[in-house]
Amino acid sequence: MDSATSMSLPKNMFFDIPGEFDPVFSVTFTATLCRLDPALIRPGRVDLKQYIGNCTHGQLTQMFWRFYPEEPASEADRFAEQALAVHSEISAAQVQGHFLLHKMDPAGSIDNVAQMK
């Protein structure tokens, strides 16, 4: 994987999943809902929209614990505090990418939180 490749989802994804009673169950992901053609998201085609916003302190703490299970809770809390101090709005995809850059270095993950993109 080259340095330009990311583990986050592409900006727009469409999945068709065969259903038991309905012919197709579709799941759509997008980072830019306003850029999609209105025909793709009209009522009847899209029945549920779910907004996934930026990470909270608790979510950042949980993500750190799950990525670095051997680290103490105090380190997860320190990561969350530093991340929110540097980035008031931070997505789960950004955090995941940051953890992958520091996958064997929990301390480096905390120390380099300002470099998170």
PDB file of N, CA and C in Angstrom:
ATOM      1  N   MET A   1       0.857  -1.178   0.000  1.00  0.00           N
ATOM      2  CA  MET A   1       0.000   0.000   0.000  1.00  0.00           C
ATOM      3  C   MET A   1       0.898   1.233   0.000  1.00  0.00           C
ATOM      4  N   ASP A   2       0.700   2.138  -0.937  1.00  0.00           N
ATOM      5  CA  ASP A   2       1.525   3.337  -0.983  1.00  0.00           C
ATOM      6  C   ASP A   2       1.010   4.384   0.009  1.00  0.00           C
ATOM      7  N   SER A   3       1.781   5.440   0.206  1.00  0.00           N
ATOM      8  CA  SER A   3       1.452   6.442   1.224  1.00  0.00           C
ATOM      9  C   SER A   3       0.195   7.230   0.901  1.00  0.00           C
ATOM     10  N   ALA A   4      -0.221   7.249  -0.362  1.00  0.00           N
ATOM     11  CA  ALA A   4      -1.414   7.998  -0.742  1.00  0.00           C
ATOM     12  C   ALA A   4      -2.697   7.194  -0.487  1.00  0.00           C
ATOM     13  N   THR A   5      -2.554   5.908  -0.189  1.00  0.00           N
ATOM     14  CA  THR A   5      -3.721   5.059   0.033  1.00  0.00           C
ATOM     15  C   THR A   5      -4.203   5.210   1.463  1.00  0.00           C
ATOM     16  N   SER A   6      -5.505   5.241   1.632  1.00  0.00           N
ATOM     17  CA  SER A   6      -6.108   5.406   2.947  1.00  0.00           C
ATOM     18  C   SER A   6      -6.969   4.205   3.262  1.00  0.00           C
ATOM     19  N   MET A   7      -7.133   3.888   4.532  1.00  0.00           N
ATOM     20  CA  MET A   7      -7.994   2.798   4.940  1.00  0.00           C
ATOM     21  C   MET A   7      -9.433   3.266   5.128  1.00  0.00           C
ATOM     22  N   SER A   8      -9.700   4.543   4.990  1.00  0.00           N
ATOM     23  CA  SER A   8     -11.065   5.033   5.155  1.00  0.00           C
ATOM     24  C   SER A   8     -11.897   4.673   3.933  1.00  0.00           C
ATOM     25  N   LEU A   9     -13.203   4.726   4.104  1.00  0.00           N
ATOM     26  CA  LEU A   9     -14.106   4.410   3.006  1.00  0.00           C
ATOM     27  C   LEU A   9     -14.012   5.462   1.913  1.00  0.00           C
ATOM     28  N   PRO A  10     -14.226   5.052   0.687  1.00  0.00           N
ATOM     29  CA  PRO A  10     -14.311   6.060  -0.377  1.00  0.00           C
ATOM     30  C   PRO A  10     -15.453   7.025  -0.084  1.00  0.00           C
ATOM     31  N   LYS A  11     -15.425   8.187  -0.720  1.00  0.00           N
ATOM     32  CA  LYS A  11     -16.431   9.203  -0.417  1.00  0.00           C
ATOM     33  C   LYS A  11     -17.844   8.753  -0.727  1.00  0.00           C
ATOM     34  N   ASN A  12     -18.034   7.959  -1.745  1.00  0.00           N
ATOM     35  CA  ASN A  12     -19.361   7.463  -2.094  1.00  0.00           C
ATOM     36  C   ASN A  12     -19.277   5.953  -2.305  1.00  0.00           C
ATOM     37  N   MET A  13     -20.139   5.212  -1.631  1.00  0.00           N
ATOM     38  CA  MET A  13     -20.175   3.768  -1.807  1.00  0.00           C
ATOM     39  C   MET A  13     -21.613   3.312  -1.893  1.00  0.00           C
ATOM     40  N   PHE A  14     -21.855   2.391  -2.766  1.00  0.00           N
ATOM     41  CA  PHE A  14     -23.180   1.823  -2.917  1.00  0.00           C
ATOM     42  C   PHE A  14     -23.059   0.309  -2.829  1.00  0.00           C
ATOM     43  N   PHE A  15     -23.853  -0.312  -1.952  1.00  0.00           N
ATOM     44  CA  PHE A  15     -23.863  -1.760  -1.811  1.00  0.00           C
ATOM     45  C   PHE A  15     -25.268  -2.263  -2.103  1.00  0.00           C
ATOM     46  N   ASP A  16     -25.397  -3.297  -2.867  1.00  0.00           N
ATOM     47  CA  ASP A  16     -26.669  -3.971  -3.069  1.00  0.00           C
ATOM     48  C   ASP A  16     -26.581  -5.324  -2.390  1.00  0.00           C
ATOM     49  N   ILE A  17     -27.485  -5.554  -1.447  1.00  0.00           N
ATOM     50  CA  ILE A  17     -27.490  -6.782  -0.668  1.00  0.00           C
ATOM     51  C   ILE A  17     -28.804  -7.498  -0.948  1.00  0.00           C
ATOM     52  N   PRO A  18     -28.752  -8.742  -1.433  1.00  0.00           N
ATOM     53  CA  PRO A  18     -30.008  -9.460  -1.678  1.00  0.00           C
ATOM     54  C   PRO A  18     -30.802  -9.605  -0.384  1.00  0.00           C
ATOM     55  N   GLY A  19     -32.092  -9.314  -0.455  1.00  0.00           N
ATOM     56  CA  GLY A  19     -32.952  -9.428   0.706  1.00  0.00           C
ATOM     57  C   GLY A  19     -33.798 -10.684   0.642  1.00  0.00           C
ATOM     58  N   GLU A  20     -34.377 -11.052   1.778  1.00  0.00           N
ATOM     59  CA  GLU A  20     -35.208 -12.247   1.830  1.00  0.00           C
ATOM     60  C   GLU A  20     -36.534 -12.033   1.111  1.00  0.00           C
ATOM     61  N   PHE A  21     -37.155 -10.862   1.305  1.00  0.00           N
ATOM     62  CA  PHE A  21     -38.449 -10.580   0.706  1.00  0.00           C
ATOM     63  C   PHE A  21     -38.364  -9.546  -0.401  1.00  0.00           C
ATOM     64  N   ASP A  22     -37.506  -8.571  -0.234  1.00  0.00           N
ATOM     65  CA  ASP A  22     -37.319  -7.548  -1.257  1.00  0.00           C
ATOM     66  C   ASP A  22     -36.195  -7.990  -2.184  1.00  0.00           C
ATOM     67  N   PRO A  23     -36.251  -7.597  -3.442  1.00  0.00           N
ATOM     68  CA  PRO A  23     -35.208  -8.027  -4.363  1.00  0.00           C
ATOM     69  C   PRO A  23     -33.821  -7.500  -3.978  1.00  0.00           C
ATOM     70  N   VAL A  24     -33.752  -6.260  -3.481  1.00  0.00           N
ATOM     71  CA  VAL A  24     -32.450  -5.681  -3.153  1.00  0.00           C
ATOM     72  C   VAL A  24     -32.584  -4.751  -1.962  1.00  0.00           C
ATOM     73  N   PHE A  25     -31.628  -4.834  -1.071  1.00  0.00           N
ATOM     74  CA  PHE A  25     -31.491  -3.926   0.065  1.00  0.00           C
ATOM     75  C   PHE A  25     -30.218  -3.141  -0.199  1.00  0.00           C
ATOM     76  N   SER A  26     -30.292  -1.832  -0.289  1.00  0.00           N
ATOM     77  CA  SER A  26     -29.123  -1.020  -0.628  1.00  0.00           C
ATOM     78  C   SER A  26     -28.638  -0.225   0.570  1.00  0.00           C
ATOM     79  N   VAL A  27     -27.328  -0.147   0.689  1.00  0.00           N
ATOM     80  CA  VAL A  27     -26.675   0.668   1.703  1.00  0.00           C
ATOM     81  C   VAL A  27     -25.781   1.647   0.970  1.00  0.00           C
ATOM     82  N   THR A  28     -25.905   2.927   1.295  1.00  0.00           N
ATOM     83  CA  THR A  28     -25.143   3.968   0.619  1.00  0.00           C
ATOM     84  C   THR A  28     -24.372   4.780   1.654  1.00  0.00           C
ATOM     85  N   PHE A  29     -23.112   5.044   1.376  1.00  0.00           N
ATOM     86  CA  PHE A  29     -22.283   5.890   2.219  1.00  0.00           C
ATOM     87  C   PHE A  29     -21.820   7.079   1.392  1.00  0.00           C
ATOM     88  N   THR A  30     -21.813   8.257   1.976  1.00  0.00           N
ATOM     89  CA  THR A  30     -21.244   9.415   1.294  1.00  0.00           C
ATOM     90  C   THR A  30     -20.743  10.423   2.324  1.00  0.00           C
ATOM     91  N   ALA A  31     -19.704  11.122   1.955  1.00  0.00           N
ATOM     92  CA  ALA A  31     -19.188  12.193   2.801  1.00  0.00           C
ATOM     93  C   ALA A  31     -19.760  13.535   2.366  1.00  0.00           C
ATOM     94  N   THR A  32     -20.383  13.568   1.202  1.00  0.00           N
ATOM     95  CA  THR A  32     -20.890  14.816   0.648  1.00  0.00           C
ATOM     96  C   THR A  32     -22.289  14.598   0.076  1.00  0.00           C
ATOM     97  N   LEU A  33     -23.274  14.534   0.944  1.00  0.00           N
ATOM     98  CA  LEU A  33     -24.654  14.292   0.543  1.00  0.00           C
ATOM     99  C   LEU A  33     -25.141  15.345  -0.446  1.00  0.00           C
ATOM    100  N   CYS A  34     -24.723  16.577  -0.261  1.00  0.00           N
ATOM    101  CA  CYS A  34     -25.187  17.670  -1.120  1.00  0.00           C
ATOM    102  C   CYS A  34     -24.713  17.526  -2.569  1.00  0.00           C
ATOM    103  N   ARG A  35     -23.690  16.731  -2.816  1.00  0.00           N
ATOM    104  CA  ARG A  35     -23.168  16.560  -4.172  1.00  0.00           C
ATOM    105  C   ARG A  35     -23.835  15.411  -4.931  1.00  0.00           C
ATOM    106  N   LEU A  36     -24.617  14.591  -4.235  1.00  0.00           N
ATOM    107  CA  LEU A  36     -25.278  13.478  -4.912  1.00  0.00           C
ATOM    108  C   LEU A  36     -26.463  13.976  -5.728  1.00  0.00           C
ATOM    109  N   ASP A  37     -26.711  13.324  -6.829  1.00  0.00           N
ATOM    110  CA  ASP A  37     -27.869  13.628  -7.656  1.00  0.00           C
ATOM    111  C   ASP A  37     -29.129  13.389  -6.826  1.00  0.00           C
ATOM    112  N   PRO A  38     -30.058  14.340  -6.784  1.00  0.00           N
ATOM    113  CA  PRO A  38     -31.283  14.172  -5.995  1.00  0.00           C
ATOM    114  C   PRO A  38     -32.065  12.899  -6.342  1.00  0.00           C
ATOM    115  N   ALA A  39     -31.947  12.415  -7.572  1.00  0.00           N
ATOM    116  CA  ALA A  39     -32.641  11.179  -7.955  1.00  0.00           C
ATOM    117  C   ALA A  39     -32.120   9.976  -7.178  1.00  0.00           C
ATOM    118  N   LEU A  40     -30.869  10.032  -6.736  1.00  0.00           N
ATOM    119  CA  LEU A  40     -30.296   8.919  -5.976  1.00  0.00           C
ATOM    120  C   LEU A  40     -30.801   8.862  -4.541  1.00  0.00           C
ATOM    121  N   ILE A  41     -31.227  10.004  -4.005  1.00  0.00           N
ATOM    122  CA  ILE A  41     -31.614  10.054  -2.590  1.00  0.00           C
ATOM    123  C   ILE A  41     -33.065  10.474  -2.392  1.00  0.00           C
ATOM    124  N   ARG A  42     -33.883  10.320  -3.418  1.00  0.00           N
ATOM    125  CA  ARG A  42     -35.294  10.716  -3.327  1.00  0.00           C
ATOM    126  C   ARG A  42     -36.051   9.760  -2.405  1.00  0.00           C
ATOM    127  N   PRO A  43     -37.180  10.220  -1.838  1.00  0.00           N
ATOM    128  CA  PRO A  43     -38.020   9.348  -1.021  1.00  0.00           C
ATOM    129  C   PRO A  43     -38.459   8.124  -1.831  1.00  0.00           C
ATOM    130  N   GLY A  44     -38.440   6.998  -1.202  1.00  0.00           N
ATOM    131  CA  GLY A  44     -38.749   5.754  -1.886  1.00  0.00           C
ATOM    132  C   GLY A  44     -37.498   5.013  -2.302  1.00  0.00           C
ATOM    133  N   ARG A  45     -36.453   5.750  -2.594  1.00  0.00           N
ATOM    134  CA  ARG A  45     -35.162   5.128  -2.911  1.00  0.00           C
ATOM    135  C   ARG A  45     -34.306   5.057  -1.640  1.00  0.00           C
ATOM    136  N   VAL A  46     -34.368   6.119  -0.851  1.00  0.00           N
ATOM    137  CA  VAL A  46     -33.650   6.169   0.420  1.00  0.00           C
ATOM    138  C   VAL A  46     -34.691   6.334   1.524  1.00  0.00           C
ATOM    139  N   ASP A  47     -34.800   5.332   2.375  1.00  0.00           N
ATOM    140  CA  ASP A  47     -35.797   5.358   3.441  1.00  0.00           C
ATOM    141  C   ASP A  47     -35.238   5.875   4.758  1.00  0.00           C
ATOM    142  N   LEU A  48     -33.942   5.799   4.943  1.00  0.00           N
ATOM    143  CA  LEU A  48     -33.332   6.217   6.201  1.00  0.00           C
ATOM    144  C   LEU A  48     -32.003   6.900   5.908  1.00  0.00           C
ATOM    145  N   LYS A  49     -31.809   8.072   6.483  1.00  0.00           N
ATOM    146  CA  LYS A  49     -30.529   8.768   6.403  1.00  0.00           C
ATOM    147  C   LYS A  49     -29.968   8.833   7.818  1.00  0.00           C
ATOM    148  N   GLN A  50     -28.720   8.472   7.968  1.00  0.00           N
ATOM    149  CA  GLN A  50     -28.072   8.487   9.285  1.00  0.00           C
ATOM    150  C   GLN A  50     -26.816   9.341   9.194  1.00  0.00           C
ATOM    151  N   TYR A  51     -26.765  10.409   9.984  1.00  0.00           N
ATOM    152  CA  TYR A  51     -25.595  11.281  10.011  1.00  0.00           C
ATOM    153  C   TYR A  51     -24.605  10.753  11.051  1.00  0.00           C
ATOM    154  N   ILE A  52     -23.372  10.599  10.651  1.00  0.00           N
ATOM    155  CA  ILE A  52     -22.309  10.195  11.578  1.00  0.00           C
ATOM    156  C   ILE A  52     -21.374  11.388  11.669  1.00  0.00           C
ATOM    157  N   GLY A  53     -21.410  12.059  12.780  1.00  0.00           N
ATOM    158  CA  GLY A  53     -20.651  13.296  12.938  1.00  0.00           C
ATOM    159  C   GLY A  53     -19.232  13.069  13.427  1.00  0.00           C
ATOM    160  N   ASN A  54     -18.687  14.113  13.988  1.00  0.00           N
ATOM    161  CA  ASN A  54     -17.322  14.071  14.509  1.00  0.00           C
ATOM    162  C   ASN A  54     -17.268  13.322  15.834  1.00  0.00           C
ATOM    163  N   CYS A  55     -16.079  12.891  16.198  1.00  0.00           N
ATOM    164  CA  CYS A  55     -15.887  12.090  17.402  1.00  0.00           C
ATOM    165  C   CYS A  55     -16.020  12.911  18.677  1.00  0.00           C
ATOM    166  N   THR A  56     -16.592  12.290  19.676  1.00  0.00           N
ATOM    167  CA  THR A  56     -16.661  12.866  21.013  1.00  0.00           C
ATOM    168  C   THR A  56     -15.469  12.355  21.825  1.00  0.00           C
ATOM    169  N   HIS A  57     -15.302  12.901  23.007  1.00  0.00           N
ATOM    170  CA  HIS A  57     -14.233  12.454  23.898  1.00  0.00           C
ATOM    171  C   HIS A  57     -14.368  10.955  24.188  1.00  0.00           C
ATOM    172  N   GLY A  58     -15.567  10.526  24.492  1.00  0.00           N
ATOM    173  CA  GLY A  58     -15.797   9.109  24.793  1.00  0.00           C
ATOM    174  C   GLY A  58     -15.491   8.193  23.620  1.00  0.00           C
ATOM    175  N   GLN A  59     -15.861   8.621  22.427  1.00  0.00           N
ATOM    176  CA  GLN A  59     -15.582   7.815  21.239  1.00  0.00           C
ATOM    177  C   GLN A  59     -14.080   7.716  20.982  1.00  0.00           C
ATOM    178  N   LEU A  60     -13.368   8.820  21.158  1.00  0.00           N
ATOM    179  CA  LEU A  60     -11.916   8.798  20.969  1.00  0.00           C
ATOM    180  C   LEU A  60     -11.250   7.877  21.986  1.00  0.00           C
ATOM    181  N   THR A  61     -11.729   7.923  23.207  1.00  0.00           N
ATOM    182  CA  THR A  61     -11.189   7.051  24.249  1.00  0.00           C
ATOM    183  C   THR A  61     -11.409   5.584  23.882  1.00  0.00           C
ATOM    184  N   GLN A  62     -12.631   5.249  23.469  1.00  0.00           N
ATOM    185  CA  GLN A  62     -12.942   3.868  23.083  1.00  0.00           C
ATOM    186  C   GLN A  62     -12.106   3.417  21.887  1.00  0.00           C
ATOM    187  N   MET A  63     -11.931   4.281  20.909  1.00  0.00           N
ATOM    188  CA  MET A  63     -11.133   3.916  19.739  1.00  0.00           C
ATOM    189  C   MET A  63      -9.687   3.633  20.144  1.00  0.00           C
ATOM    190  N   PHE A  64      -9.137   4.449  21.037  1.00  0.00           N
ATOM    191  CA  PHE A  64      -7.769   4.226  21.488  1.00  0.00           C
ATOM    192  C   PHE A  64      -7.660   2.893  22.211  1.00  0.00           C
ATOM    193  N   TRP A  65      -8.598   2.608  23.107  1.00  0.00           N
ATOM    194  CA  TRP A  65      -8.575   1.333  23.851  1.00  0.00           C
ATOM    195  C   TRP A  65      -8.652   0.142  22.921  1.00  0.00           C
ATOM    196  N   ARG A  66      -9.490   0.246  21.897  1.00  0.00           N
ATOM    197  CA  ARG A  66      -9.652  -0.881  20.974  1.00  0.00           C
ATOM    198  C   ARG A  66      -8.428  -1.078  20.094  1.00  0.00           C
ATOM    199  N   PHE A  67      -7.762  -0.011  19.761  1.00  0.00           N
ATOM    200  CA  PHE A  67      -6.581  -0.129  18.906  1.00  0.00           C
ATOM    201  C   PHE A  67      -5.350  -0.526  19.717  1.00  0.00           C
ATOM    202  N   TYR A  68      -5.283  -0.045  20.942  1.00  0.00           N
ATOM    203  CA  TYR A  68      -4.149  -0.345  21.825  1.00  0.00           C
ATOM    204  C   TYR A  68      -4.683  -0.959  23.124  1.00  0.00           C
ATOM    205  N   PRO A  69      -5.124  -2.216  23.105  1.00  0.00           N
ATOM    206  CA  PRO A  69      -5.777  -2.805  24.281  1.00  0.00           C
ATOM    207  C   PRO A  69      -4.869  -2.977  25.497  1.00  0.00           C
ATOM    208  N   GLU A  70      -3.572  -2.971  25.298  1.00  0.00           N
ATOM    209  CA  GLU A  70      -2.641  -3.152  26.420  1.00  0.00           C
ATOM    210  C   GLU A  70      -2.341  -1.850  27.169  1.00  0.00           C
ATOM    211  N   GLU A  71      -2.769  -0.731  26.617  1.00  0.00           N
ATOM    212  CA  GLU A  71      -2.484   0.570  27.233  1.00  0.00           C
ATOM    213  C   GLU A  71      -3.472   0.875  28.356  1.00  0.00           C
ATOM    214  N   PRO A  72      -3.010   1.586  29.392  1.00  0.00           N
ATOM    215  CA  PRO A  72      -3.913   1.939  30.499  1.00  0.00           C
ATOM    216  C   PRO A  72      -4.970   2.964  30.073  1.00  0.00           C
ATOM    217  N   ALA A  73      -6.042   2.999  30.820  1.00  0.00           N
ATOM    218  CA  ALA A  73      -7.157   3.915  30.526  1.00  0.00           C
ATOM    219  C   ALA A  73      -6.696   5.371  30.545  1.00  0.00           C
ATOM    220  N   SER A  74      -5.735   5.676  31.380  1.00  0.00           N
ATOM    221  CA  SER A  74      -5.252   7.057  31.463  1.00  0.00           C
ATOM    222  C   SER A  74      -4.640   7.521  30.142  1.00  0.00           C
ATOM    223  N   GLU A  75      -4.008   6.606  29.403  1.00  0.00           N
ATOM    224  CA  GLU A  75      -3.426   6.970  28.111  1.00  0.00           C
ATOM    225  C   GLU A  75      -4.514   7.232  27.070  1.00  0.00           C
ATOM    226  N   ALA A  76      -5.576   6.446  27.117  1.00  0.00           N
ATOM    227  CA  ALA A  76      -6.700   6.664  26.196  1.00  0.00           C
ATOM    228  C   ALA A  76      -7.335   8.024  26.459  1.00  0.00           C
ATOM    229  N   ASP A  77      -7.489   8.364  27.728  1.00  0.00           N
ATOM    230  CA  ASP A  77      -8.059   9.653  28.097  1.00  0.00           C
ATOM    231  C   ASP A  77      -7.133  10.793  27.672  1.00  0.00           C
ATOM    232  N   ARG A  78      -5.837  10.591  27.834  1.00  0.00           N
ATOM    233  CA  ARG A  78      -4.862  11.616  27.436  1.00  0.00           C
ATOM    234  C   ARG A  78      -4.903  11.825  25.922  1.00  0.00           C
ATOM    235  N   PHE A  79      -5.024  10.727  25.161  1.00  0.00           N
ATOM    236  CA  PHE A  79      -5.127  10.842  23.709  1.00  0.00           C
ATOM    237  C   PHE A  79      -6.360  11.659  23.329  1.00  0.00           C
ATOM    238  N   ALA A  80      -7.506  11.323  23.913  1.00  0.00           N
ATOM    239  CA  ALA A  80      -8.758  12.017  23.586  1.00  0.00           C
ATOM    240  C   ALA A  80      -8.655  13.505  23.909  1.00  0.00           C
ATOM    241  N   GLU A  81      -8.112  13.838  25.071  1.00  0.00           N
ATOM    242  CA  GLU A  81      -7.979  15.246  25.462  1.00  0.00           C
ATOM    243  C   GLU A  81      -7.076  16.005  24.500  1.00  0.00           C
ATOM    244  N   GLN A  82      -5.937  15.407  24.159  1.00  0.00           N
ATOM    245  CA  GLN A  82      -5.000  16.093  23.259  1.00  0.00           C
ATOM    246  C   GLN A  82      -5.566  16.212  21.850  1.00  0.00           C
ATOM    247  N   ALA A  83      -6.250  15.179  21.389  1.00  0.00           N
ATOM    248  CA  ALA A  83      -6.825  15.214  20.041  1.00  0.00           C
ATOM    249  C   ALA A  83      -7.868  16.318  19.928  1.00  0.00           C
ATOM    250  N   LEU A  84      -8.734  16.443  20.928  1.00  0.00           N
ATOM    251  CA  LEU A  84      -9.768  17.477  20.882  1.00  0.00           C
ATOM    252  C   LEU A  84      -9.211  18.873  21.128  1.00  0.00           C
ATOM    253  N   ALA A  85      -8.092  18.966  21.827  1.00  0.00           N
ATOM    254  CA  ALA A  85      -7.464  20.268  22.040  1.00  0.00           C
ATOM    255  C   ALA A  85      -6.859  20.795  20.735  1.00  0.00           C
ATOM    256  N   VAL A  86      -6.346  19.896  19.917  1.00  0.00           N
ATOM    257  CA  VAL A  86      -5.710  20.285  18.665  1.00  0.00           C
ATOM    258  C   VAL A  86      -6.727  20.383  17.524  1.00  0.00           C
ATOM    259  N   HIS A  87      -7.687  19.454  17.505  1.00  0.00           N
ATOM    260  CA  HIS A  87      -8.681  19.385  16.429  1.00  0.00           C
ATOM    261  C   HIS A  87     -10.074  19.437  17.046  1.00  0.00           C
ATOM    262  N   SER A  88     -10.758  20.545  16.915  1.00  0.00           N
ATOM    263  CA  SER A  88     -12.090  20.644  17.511  1.00  0.00           C
ATOM    264  C   SER A  88     -13.086  19.741  16.789  1.00  0.00           C
ATOM    265  N   GLU A  89     -12.851  19.474  15.507  1.00  0.00           N
ATOM    266  CA  GLU A  89     -13.690  18.560  14.736  1.00  0.00           C
ATOM    267  C   GLU A  89     -12.790  17.489  14.143  1.00  0.00           C
ATOM    268  N   ILE A  90     -13.049  16.238  14.508  1.00  0.00           N
ATOM    269  CA  ILE A  90     -12.213  15.140  14.037  1.00  0.00           C
ATOM    270  C   ILE A  90     -13.095  13.935  13.750  1.00  0.00           C
ATOM    271  N   SER A  91     -12.893  13.324  12.600  1.00  0.00           N
ATOM    272  CA  SER A  91     -13.723  12.183  12.215  1.00  0.00           C
ATOM    273  C   SER A  91     -13.077  10.867  12.631  1.00  0.00           C
ATOM    274  N   ALA A  92     -13.893   9.837  12.688  1.00  0.00           N
ATOM    275  CA  ALA A  92     -13.392   8.506  13.029  1.00  0.00           C
ATOM    276  C   ALA A  92     -12.395   8.017  11.976  1.00  0.00           C
ATOM    277  N   ALA A  93     -12.617   8.365  10.721  1.00  0.00           N
ATOM    278  CA  ALA A  93     -11.690   7.965   9.657  1.00  0.00           C
ATOM    279  C   ALA A  93     -10.313   8.602   9.856  1.00  0.00           C
ATOM    280  N   GLN A  94     -10.292   9.854  10.286  1.00  0.00           N
ATOM    281  CA  GLN A  94      -9.015  10.519  10.555  1.00  0.00           C
ATOM    282  C   GLN A  94      -8.273   9.814  11.681  1.00  0.00           C
ATOM    283  N   VAL A  95      -8.993   9.469  12.728  1.00  0.00           N
ATOM    284  CA  VAL A  95      -8.383   8.804  13.886  1.00  0.00           C
ATOM    285  C   VAL A  95      -7.863   7.431  13.479  1.00  0.00           C
ATOM    286  N   GLN A  96      -8.654   6.690  12.730  1.00  0.00           N
ATOM    287  CA  GLN A  96      -8.234   5.363  12.282  1.00  0.00           C
ATOM    288  C   GLN A  96      -6.950   5.453  11.453  1.00  0.00           C
ATOM    289  N   GLY A  97      -6.899   6.398  10.528  1.00  0.00           N
ATOM    290  CA  GLY A  97      -5.693   6.577   9.728  1.00  0.00           C
ATOM    291  C   GLY A  97      -4.485   6.923  10.578  1.00  0.00           C
ATOM    292  N   HIS A  98      -4.697   7.761  11.586  1.00  0.00           N
ATOM    293  CA  HIS A  98      -3.618   8.139  12.508  1.00  0.00           C
ATOM    294  C   HIS A  98      -3.114   6.917  13.278  1.00  0.00           C
ATOM    295  N   PHE A  99      -4.034   6.100  13.767  1.00  0.00           N
ATOM    296  CA  PHE A  99      -3.633   4.889  14.497  1.00  0.00           C
ATOM    297  C   PHE A  99      -2.850   3.938  13.595  1.00  0.00           C
ATOM    298  N   LEU A 100      -3.236   3.834  12.338  1.00  0.00           N
ATOM    299  CA  LEU A 100      -2.504   2.950  11.428  1.00  0.00           C
ATOM    300  C   LEU A 100      -1.088   3.443  11.178  1.00  0.00           C
ATOM    301  N   LEU A 101      -0.900   4.757  11.192  1.00  0.00           N
ATOM    302  CA  LEU A 101       0.457   5.300  11.058  1.00  0.00           C
ATOM    303  C   LEU A 101       1.318   4.984  12.274  1.00  0.00           C
ATOM    304  N   HIS A 102       0.676   4.802  13.418  1.00  0.00           N
ATOM    305  CA  HIS A 102       1.390   4.553  14.676  1.00  0.00           C
ATOM    306  C   HIS A 102       0.947   3.230  15.297  1.00  0.00           C
ATOM    307  N   LYS A 103       0.722   2.220  14.442  1.00  0.00           N
ATOM    308  CA  LYS A 103       0.095   0.992  14.932  1.00  0.00           C
ATOM    309  C   LYS A 103       0.912   0.252  15.982  1.00  0.00           C
ATOM    310  N   MET A 104       2.199   0.408  15.996  1.00  0.00           N
ATOM    311  CA  MET A 104       3.028  -0.259  16.998  1.00  0.00           C
ATOM    312  C   MET A 104       3.575   0.715  18.041  1.00  0.00           C
ATOM    313  N   ASP A 105       3.059   1.937  18.043  1.00  0.00           N
ATOM    314  CA  ASP A 105       3.609   2.984  18.910  1.00  0.00           C
ATOM    315  C   ASP A 105       2.495   3.831  19.546  1.00  0.00           C
ATOM    316  N   PRO A 106       1.860   3.322  20.610  1.00  0.00           N
ATOM    317  CA  PRO A 106       0.780   4.090  21.243  1.00  0.00           C
ATOM    318  C   PRO A 106       1.241   5.453  21.751  1.00  0.00           C
ATOM    319  N   ALA A 107       2.435   5.515  22.310  1.00  0.00           N
ATOM    320  CA  ALA A 107       2.951   6.792  22.811  1.00  0.00           C
ATOM    321  C   ALA A 107       3.150   7.767  21.659  1.00  0.00           C
ATOM    322  N   GLY A 108       3.638   7.265  20.522  1.00  0.00           N
ATOM    323  CA  GLY A 108       3.807   8.109  19.343  1.00  0.00           C
ATOM    324  C   GLY A 108       2.481   8.609  18.810  1.00  0.00           C
ATOM    325  N   SER A 109       1.459   7.787  18.961  1.00  0.00           N
ATOM    326  CA  SER A 109       0.127   8.197  18.541  1.00  0.00           C
ATOM    327  C   SER A 109      -0.342   9.410  19.343  1.00  0.00           C
ATOM    328  N   ILE A 110      -0.042   9.408  20.621  1.00  0.00           N
ATOM    329  CA  ILE A 110      -0.426  10.533  21.483  1.00  0.00           C
ATOM    330  C   ILE A 110       0.485  11.733  21.213  1.00  0.00           C
ATOM    331  N   ASP A 111       1.771  11.496  21.147  1.00  0.00           N
ATOM    332  CA  ASP A 111       2.733  12.584  20.978  1.00  0.00           C
ATOM    333  C   ASP A 111       2.574  13.311  19.636  1.00  0.00           C
ATOM    334  N   ASN A 112       2.109  12.600  18.616  1.00  0.00           N
ATOM    335  CA  ASN A 112       2.008  13.179  17.277  1.00  0.00           C
ATOM    336  C   ASN A 112       0.572  13.496  16.881  1.00  0.00           C
ATOM    337  N   VAL A 113      -0.290  13.683  17.844  1.00  0.00           N
ATOM    338  CA  VAL A 113      -1.712  13.925  17.550  1.00  0.00           C
ATOM    339  C   VAL A 113      -1.913  15.204  16.738  1.00  0.00           C
ATOM    340  N   ALA A 114      -1.017  16.156  16.849  1.00  0.00           N
ATOM    341  CA  ALA A 114      -1.147  17.405  16.102  1.00  0.00           C
ATOM    342  C   ALA A 114      -0.944  17.194  14.603  1.00  0.00           C
ATOM    343  N   GLN A 115      -0.305  16.091  14.227  1.00  0.00           N
ATOM    344  CA  GLN A 115      -0.058  15.800  12.813  1.00  0.00           C
ATOM    345  C   GLN A 115      -1.218  15.066  12.149  1.00  0.00           C
ATOM    346  N   MET A 116      -2.248  14.758  12.931  1.00  0.00           N
ATOM    347  CA  MET A 116      -3.387  14.036  12.389  1.00  0.00           C
ATOM    348  C   MET A 116      -4.068  14.863  11.298  1.00  0.00           C
ATOM    349  N   LYS A 117      -4.392  14.213  10.182  1.00  0.00           N
ATOM    350  CA  LYS A 117      -5.025  14.917   9.064  1.00  0.00           C
ATOM    351  C   LYS A 117      -6.446  14.456   8.912  1.00  0.00           C
TER     352      LYS A 117
END
